[in-house]
N, C-alpha and C. Protein backbone atom coordinates (compact mmCIF):
# COMPACT_ATOMS: atom_id res chain seq x y z
N VAL A 1 2.25 -27.54 19.62
CA VAL A 1 0.76 -27.09 19.34
C VAL A 1 0.41 -27.60 17.86
N GLN A 2 -0.76 -27.61 17.97
CA GLN A 2 -1.89 -28.26 16.73
C GLN A 2 -2.51 -27.31 16.27
N LEU A 3 -2.80 -27.29 14.79
CA LEU A 3 -3.84 -26.45 14.48
C LEU A 3 -4.79 -27.41 13.61
N GLN A 4 -6.06 -27.59 14.01
CA GLN A 4 -7.18 -28.32 13.33
C GLN A 4 -7.81 -27.35 12.51
N ALA A 5 -8.05 -27.69 11.21
CA ALA A 5 -9.01 -26.78 10.54
C ALA A 5 -10.08 -27.75 10.03
N SER A 6 -11.23 -27.14 9.84
CA SER A 6 -12.25 -27.67 9.46
C SER A 6 -13.24 -26.79 8.70
N GLY A 7 -14.26 -27.34 8.02
CA GLY A 7 -15.27 -26.42 7.40
C GLY A 7 -15.38 -26.34 5.75
N GLY A 8 -14.31 -27.19 5.14
CA GLY A 8 -14.19 -27.30 3.73
C GLY A 8 -15.27 -27.89 3.14
N GLY A 9 -15.49 -27.96 1.93
CA GLY A 9 -16.61 -28.69 1.27
C GLY A 9 -16.58 -28.19 -0.26
N SER A 10 -17.84 -28.58 -0.98
CA SER A 10 -17.94 -28.42 -2.00
C SER A 10 -19.46 -27.36 -2.08
N VAL A 11 -19.08 -26.16 -3.03
CA VAL A 11 -20.38 -25.59 -3.22
C VAL A 11 -20.28 -25.13 -4.67
N GLN A 12 -21.27 -24.58 -4.82
CA GLN A 12 -21.37 -23.65 -6.24
C GLN A 12 -21.23 -22.48 -6.28
N ALA A 13 -20.71 -21.83 -7.29
CA ALA A 13 -20.37 -20.26 -7.30
C ALA A 13 -21.52 -19.68 -6.89
N GLY A 14 -20.83 -18.41 -6.16
CA GLY A 14 -22.20 -17.60 -5.40
C GLY A 14 -22.46 -18.23 -4.07
N GLY A 15 -21.92 -19.39 -3.78
CA GLY A 15 -21.95 -19.97 -2.20
C GLY A 15 -21.34 -19.52 -1.53
N SER A 16 -21.42 -20.04 -0.06
CA SER A 16 -20.78 -19.60 1.08
C SER A 16 -20.14 -20.64 1.89
N LEU A 17 -19.03 -20.77 2.33
CA LEU A 17 -18.55 -21.69 3.46
C LEU A 17 -17.87 -20.59 4.53
N LYS A 18 -17.52 -21.33 5.56
CA LYS A 18 -17.02 -20.73 6.73
C LYS A 18 -15.79 -21.86 7.37
N LEU A 19 -14.70 -21.40 7.14
CA LEU A 19 -13.72 -22.39 7.87
C LEU A 19 -13.35 -22.01 9.14
N SER A 20 -12.82 -23.11 9.86
CA SER A 20 -12.35 -22.89 11.21
C SER A 20 -11.14 -23.41 11.49
N CYS A 21 -10.34 -22.88 12.43
CA CYS A 21 -8.98 -23.31 12.67
C CYS A 21 -8.90 -23.18 14.37
N LYS A 22 -8.74 -24.28 15.10
CA LYS A 22 -8.63 -24.11 16.35
C LYS A 22 -6.99 -24.75 16.82
N ALA A 23 -6.42 -23.85 17.51
CA ALA A 23 -5.11 -24.02 17.98
C ALA A 23 -5.13 -24.76 19.44
N SER A 24 -4.59 -25.83 19.52
CA SER A 24 -4.39 -26.46 20.69
C SER A 24 -2.72 -26.61 21.28
N GLY A 25 -2.74 -26.46 22.40
CA GLY A 25 -1.53 -26.78 22.99
C GLY A 25 -0.65 -25.42 23.12
N MET A 26 -1.71 -24.29 22.80
CA MET A 26 -0.90 -22.74 22.56
C MET A 26 -1.48 -21.92 23.67
N ILE A 27 -0.66 -21.26 24.52
CA ILE A 27 -1.08 -20.55 25.48
C ILE A 27 -1.90 -19.29 24.90
N TRP A 28 -2.64 -18.72 25.75
CA TRP A 28 -3.65 -17.88 25.22
C TRP A 28 -2.84 -16.36 24.88
N SER A 29 -1.96 -16.03 25.73
CA SER A 29 -1.10 -15.07 25.29
C SER A 29 -0.53 -15.09 24.08
N VAL A 30 0.16 -16.08 23.56
CA VAL A 30 0.94 -16.29 22.46
C VAL A 30 -0.04 -16.55 21.39
N PHE A 31 -1.12 -16.98 21.55
CA PHE A 31 -2.41 -16.88 20.42
C PHE A 31 -2.63 -15.41 19.96
N THR A 32 -2.93 -14.73 21.02
CA THR A 32 -3.38 -13.24 20.73
C THR A 32 -2.44 -12.38 20.30
N GLY A 33 -1.05 -12.87 20.36
CA GLY A 33 0.17 -11.76 20.02
C GLY A 33 0.71 -12.37 18.61
N SER A 34 0.09 -13.43 18.15
CA SER A 34 0.78 -14.16 16.96
C SER A 34 -0.13 -13.42 15.75
N ARG A 35 0.64 -13.38 14.75
CA ARG A 35 0.44 -13.11 13.25
C ARG A 35 -0.32 -14.63 12.87
N MET A 36 -1.51 -14.44 12.19
CA MET A 36 -2.25 -15.67 11.74
C MET A 36 -3.26 -15.25 10.79
N GLY A 37 -3.42 -16.34 9.84
CA GLY A 37 -4.18 -16.40 8.63
C GLY A 37 -4.23 -17.36 8.18
N TRP A 38 -4.90 -17.51 7.08
CA TRP A 38 -5.50 -18.43 5.96
C TRP A 38 -4.61 -18.26 4.71
N HIS A 39 -3.99 -19.38 4.01
CA HIS A 39 -3.31 -19.26 2.84
C HIS A 39 -3.99 -20.43 2.10
N ARG A 40 -3.93 -20.70 0.62
CA ARG A 40 -4.42 -21.69 0.06
C ARG A 40 -3.63 -21.87 -1.14
N GLN A 41 -3.54 -23.20 -1.95
CA GLN A 41 -2.84 -23.69 -2.61
C GLN A 41 -3.78 -24.36 -3.74
N ALA A 42 -4.12 -23.72 -4.92
CA ALA A 42 -4.64 -24.38 -6.02
C ALA A 42 -3.55 -25.60 -6.79
N PRO A 43 -4.44 -26.49 -7.28
CA PRO A 43 -3.40 -27.42 -8.37
C PRO A 43 -2.57 -26.53 -9.14
N GLY A 44 -1.34 -27.02 -9.12
CA GLY A 44 -0.37 -26.68 -10.10
C GLY A 44 0.24 -25.24 -9.72
N LYS A 45 -0.17 -24.77 -8.61
CA LYS A 45 0.04 -23.23 -8.44
C LYS A 45 0.81 -23.31 -6.97
N GLN A 46 1.66 -22.34 -6.46
CA GLN A 46 2.18 -21.80 -5.30
C GLN A 46 1.04 -21.40 -4.26
N ARG A 47 1.55 -21.93 -3.05
CA ARG A 47 0.77 -21.31 -2.04
C ARG A 47 0.68 -19.99 -1.98
N GLU A 48 -0.46 -19.11 -1.36
CA GLU A 48 -0.66 -18.11 -1.58
C GLU A 48 -1.42 -17.31 -0.15
N LEU A 49 -1.13 -16.39 0.06
CA LEU A 49 -1.84 -15.49 1.28
C LEU A 49 -3.41 -15.26 1.10
N VAL A 50 -4.43 -15.73 1.84
CA VAL A 50 -5.64 -15.18 1.43
C VAL A 50 -6.04 -14.12 2.42
N ALA A 51 -5.77 -14.16 3.98
CA ALA A 51 -6.39 -13.22 4.50
C ALA A 51 -5.57 -13.64 5.99
N GLU A 52 -5.25 -12.31 6.46
CA GLU A 52 -4.21 -12.48 7.74
C GLU A 52 -4.55 -11.55 8.84
N PHE A 53 -4.47 -12.03 9.90
CA PHE A 53 -4.42 -10.57 10.90
C PHE A 53 -2.72 -10.63 11.50
N THR A 54 -2.25 -9.38 11.37
CA THR A 54 -0.89 -9.20 11.77
C THR A 54 -0.76 -9.41 13.37
N SER A 55 0.46 -9.09 13.85
CA SER A 55 0.67 -9.32 15.29
C SER A 55 -0.03 -8.21 16.21
N SER A 56 -0.36 -7.21 15.43
CA SER A 56 -1.14 -6.00 15.71
C SER A 56 -2.31 -5.77 15.96
N GLY A 57 -3.31 -6.88 15.11
CA GLY A 57 -4.52 -7.25 15.09
C GLY A 57 -4.83 -6.64 13.84
N SER A 58 -4.31 -5.97 12.93
CA SER A 58 -4.82 -5.52 11.74
C SER A 58 -4.88 -6.40 10.77
N THR A 59 -5.85 -6.29 9.73
CA THR A 59 -6.01 -7.63 8.65
C THR A 59 -5.48 -6.95 7.34
N ASN A 60 -5.24 -8.01 6.56
CA ASN A 60 -4.69 -7.90 5.19
C ASN A 60 -5.51 -8.97 4.24
N TYR A 61 -5.65 -8.59 3.30
CA TYR A 61 -6.52 -9.46 2.23
C TYR A 61 -5.97 -9.49 0.79
N GLN A 62 -5.82 -10.66 0.11
CA GLN A 62 -5.41 -10.87 -1.20
C GLN A 62 -6.62 -10.05 -1.63
N ASP A 63 -6.02 -9.36 -2.83
CA ASP A 63 -6.99 -8.56 -3.93
C ASP A 63 -8.24 -9.00 -4.48
N SER A 64 -8.06 -10.38 -4.73
CA SER A 64 -8.90 -11.22 -5.24
C SER A 64 -10.24 -11.59 -4.12
N VAL A 65 -10.08 -11.53 -3.05
CA VAL A 65 -11.14 -11.74 -2.10
C VAL A 65 -11.46 -10.61 -1.21
N LYS A 66 -11.02 -9.63 -1.59
CA LYS A 66 -11.48 -8.43 -0.89
C LYS A 66 -13.13 -8.22 -1.49
N GLY A 67 -13.64 -7.84 0.07
CA GLY A 67 -15.28 -7.67 -0.10
C GLY A 67 -16.25 -8.97 -0.14
N ARG A 68 -15.45 -10.13 -0.23
CA ARG A 68 -16.17 -11.58 -0.30
C ARG A 68 -15.91 -12.43 0.97
N PHE A 69 -14.36 -12.36 1.24
CA PHE A 69 -13.93 -13.13 2.38
C PHE A 69 -13.90 -12.27 3.64
N THR A 70 -14.04 -12.71 4.73
CA THR A 70 -13.79 -12.11 6.08
C THR A 70 -13.02 -13.05 6.89
N ILE A 71 -11.83 -12.60 7.54
CA ILE A 71 -11.08 -13.09 8.50
C ILE A 71 -11.71 -12.63 10.10
N SER A 72 -11.91 -13.70 10.88
CA SER A 72 -11.98 -13.16 12.42
C SER A 72 -11.56 -14.27 12.99
N LYS A 73 -11.53 -13.91 14.46
CA LYS A 73 -11.13 -14.65 15.50
C LYS A 73 -11.82 -14.72 16.64
N ASP A 74 -11.82 -16.15 17.37
CA ASP A 74 -12.01 -15.81 18.78
C ASP A 74 -10.70 -16.05 19.64
N ASN A 75 -10.57 -15.23 20.61
CA ASN A 75 -9.22 -15.22 21.19
C ASN A 75 -9.67 -16.56 22.39
N ALA A 76 -10.93 -16.39 22.81
CA ALA A 76 -11.17 -17.16 24.08
C ALA A 76 -11.12 -18.72 23.64
N LYS A 77 -11.61 -19.02 22.47
CA LYS A 77 -11.74 -20.38 21.86
C LYS A 77 -10.30 -20.58 21.07
N LYS A 78 -9.34 -19.59 21.14
CA LYS A 78 -8.14 -19.76 20.21
C LYS A 78 -8.55 -20.20 19.09
N THR A 79 -9.47 -19.78 18.24
CA THR A 79 -9.92 -20.23 16.83
C THR A 79 -9.69 -19.17 16.28
N VAL A 80 -9.21 -19.30 14.68
CA VAL A 80 -9.50 -18.13 13.77
C VAL A 80 -10.40 -18.67 12.57
N TYR A 81 -11.15 -17.88 11.87
CA TYR A 81 -12.00 -18.13 11.22
C TYR A 81 -12.03 -17.54 9.68
N LEU A 82 -12.45 -18.02 8.66
CA LEU A 82 -12.53 -17.76 7.26
C LEU A 82 -13.71 -17.62 6.80
N GLN A 83 -14.82 -16.51 6.85
CA GLN A 83 -15.95 -16.58 6.05
C GLN A 83 -15.70 -16.02 4.58
N MET A 84 -16.22 -17.22 3.89
CA MET A 84 -16.47 -16.86 2.34
C MET A 84 -17.54 -16.84 1.78
N ASN A 85 -17.71 -15.79 1.22
CA ASN A 85 -19.04 -15.37 0.70
C ASN A 85 -18.88 -15.07 -0.79
N ASN A 86 -20.12 -15.25 -1.76
CA ASN A 86 -20.01 -15.15 -3.25
C ASN A 86 -18.82 -15.72 -3.91
N MET A 87 -18.45 -16.79 -3.47
CA MET A 87 -17.44 -17.75 -3.69
C MET A 87 -17.29 -18.10 -5.51
N GLU A 88 -16.39 -18.15 -5.89
CA GLU A 88 -15.90 -18.15 -7.53
C GLU A 88 -15.19 -19.47 -7.65
N PRO A 89 -15.39 -20.31 -8.92
CA PRO A 89 -14.51 -21.18 -9.13
C PRO A 89 -12.95 -21.01 -8.64
N GLY A 90 -12.53 -19.73 -9.13
CA GLY A 90 -10.98 -19.44 -8.80
C GLY A 90 -10.81 -19.64 -7.45
N ASP A 91 -11.80 -19.76 -6.41
CA ASP A 91 -11.31 -19.94 -4.70
C ASP A 91 -10.93 -21.53 -4.80
N THR A 92 -11.40 -22.18 -5.69
CA THR A 92 -10.92 -23.80 -5.50
C THR A 92 -9.66 -24.05 -5.15
N ALA A 93 -9.44 -24.47 -4.18
CA ALA A 93 -7.94 -24.70 -3.68
C ALA A 93 -7.81 -25.47 -2.18
N VAL A 94 -6.72 -26.01 -1.69
CA VAL A 94 -6.52 -26.72 -0.59
C VAL A 94 -6.29 -25.23 0.36
N TYR A 95 -7.16 -24.99 1.48
CA TYR A 95 -6.65 -24.10 2.58
C TYR A 95 -6.10 -24.42 3.49
N TYR A 96 -5.19 -23.76 3.95
CA TYR A 96 -4.30 -23.80 5.23
C TYR A 96 -4.49 -22.58 6.24
N CYS A 97 -4.50 -23.02 7.36
CA CYS A 97 -4.33 -22.03 8.38
C CYS A 97 -2.99 -21.90 8.90
N ASN A 98 -2.41 -20.95 9.20
CA ASN A 98 -1.05 -20.74 9.97
C ASN A 98 -1.07 -19.83 11.02
N ILE A 99 -0.25 -20.30 11.85
CA ILE A 99 0.05 -19.03 13.17
C ILE A 99 1.62 -18.68 13.01
N ASP A 100 1.99 -17.66 12.96
CA ASP A 100 3.42 -17.43 13.13
C ASP A 100 3.71 -16.74 14.31
N GLU A 101 4.48 -17.56 15.31
CA GLU A 101 4.92 -16.79 16.87
C GLU A 101 5.82 -15.77 16.50
N GLY A 102 6.64 -15.55 15.44
CA GLY A 102 7.57 -14.82 15.14
C GLY A 102 8.78 -15.42 14.96
N TYR A 103 9.27 -16.70 16.20
CA TYR A 103 10.50 -17.60 15.69
C TYR A 103 9.83 -18.76 15.14
N ARG A 104 8.78 -18.98 15.18
CA ARG A 104 8.24 -20.48 14.69
C ARG A 104 7.02 -20.31 14.28
N GLU A 105 6.62 -21.24 13.19
CA GLU A 105 5.53 -21.30 12.41
C GLU A 105 4.57 -22.49 12.57
N HIS A 106 3.37 -22.43 12.79
CA HIS A 106 2.43 -23.83 12.72
C HIS A 106 1.33 -23.82 11.58
N TRP A 107 1.35 -24.72 10.93
CA TRP A 107 0.29 -25.26 9.93
C TRP A 107 -0.56 -25.96 10.25
N GLY A 108 -2.03 -25.68 9.72
CA GLY A 108 -2.87 -26.93 9.77
C GLY A 108 -2.71 -27.77 8.95
N GLN A 109 -3.69 -28.93 8.94
CA GLN A 109 -3.35 -29.63 8.12
C GLN A 109 -3.99 -29.76 6.55
N GLY A 110 -4.83 -28.40 6.24
CA GLY A 110 -5.36 -28.11 5.08
C GLY A 110 -6.73 -28.90 4.86
N THR A 111 -7.51 -28.03 4.31
CA THR A 111 -9.19 -28.18 4.13
C THR A 111 -9.33 -27.94 2.77
N LEU A 112 -9.99 -28.80 1.66
CA LEU A 112 -10.23 -28.97 0.45
C LEU A 112 -11.64 -27.83 0.45
N VAL A 113 -11.53 -27.04 -0.49
CA VAL A 113 -12.68 -26.13 -0.64
C VAL A 113 -12.81 -26.16 -2.47
N THR A 114 -13.88 -26.65 -2.79
CA THR A 114 -14.14 -26.88 -4.17
C THR A 114 -15.56 -25.89 -4.84
N VAL A 115 -15.20 -25.01 -5.83
CA VAL A 115 -16.40 -24.41 -5.99
C VAL A 115 -16.59 -24.50 -7.44
N SER A 116 -17.76 -25.17 -7.86
CA SER A 116 -18.40 -25.54 -9.24
C SER A 116 -19.07 -24.04 -9.90
N SER A 117 -18.90 -24.06 -11.17
CA SER A 117 -19.37 -22.97 -11.61
C SER A 117 -21.35 -23.55 -12.59
């Protein structure tokens, strides 16, 4: 299984970016039944959960991104997205996608997001 993340870049505060993470080598039923989401790691900080789908399909968001970020997925494309709006300098980090099958996890390679004030 490989996760290919894309969509990172540089934006000014208030701007938007959309991240994508495509899973390859994973069968459809596993993708749809897995917990998946986006994490981020800022310089000098620990990796933290940003947003996720639970295995039942409900969503969780870190408090700091509620109302600004939206996680979505396309099961047919086996792709999970993160729409980031009204971005803040504090959102600057490397963003990683993650799929948790329950007994093993997969991580994407990380995509850098930089928000300037």
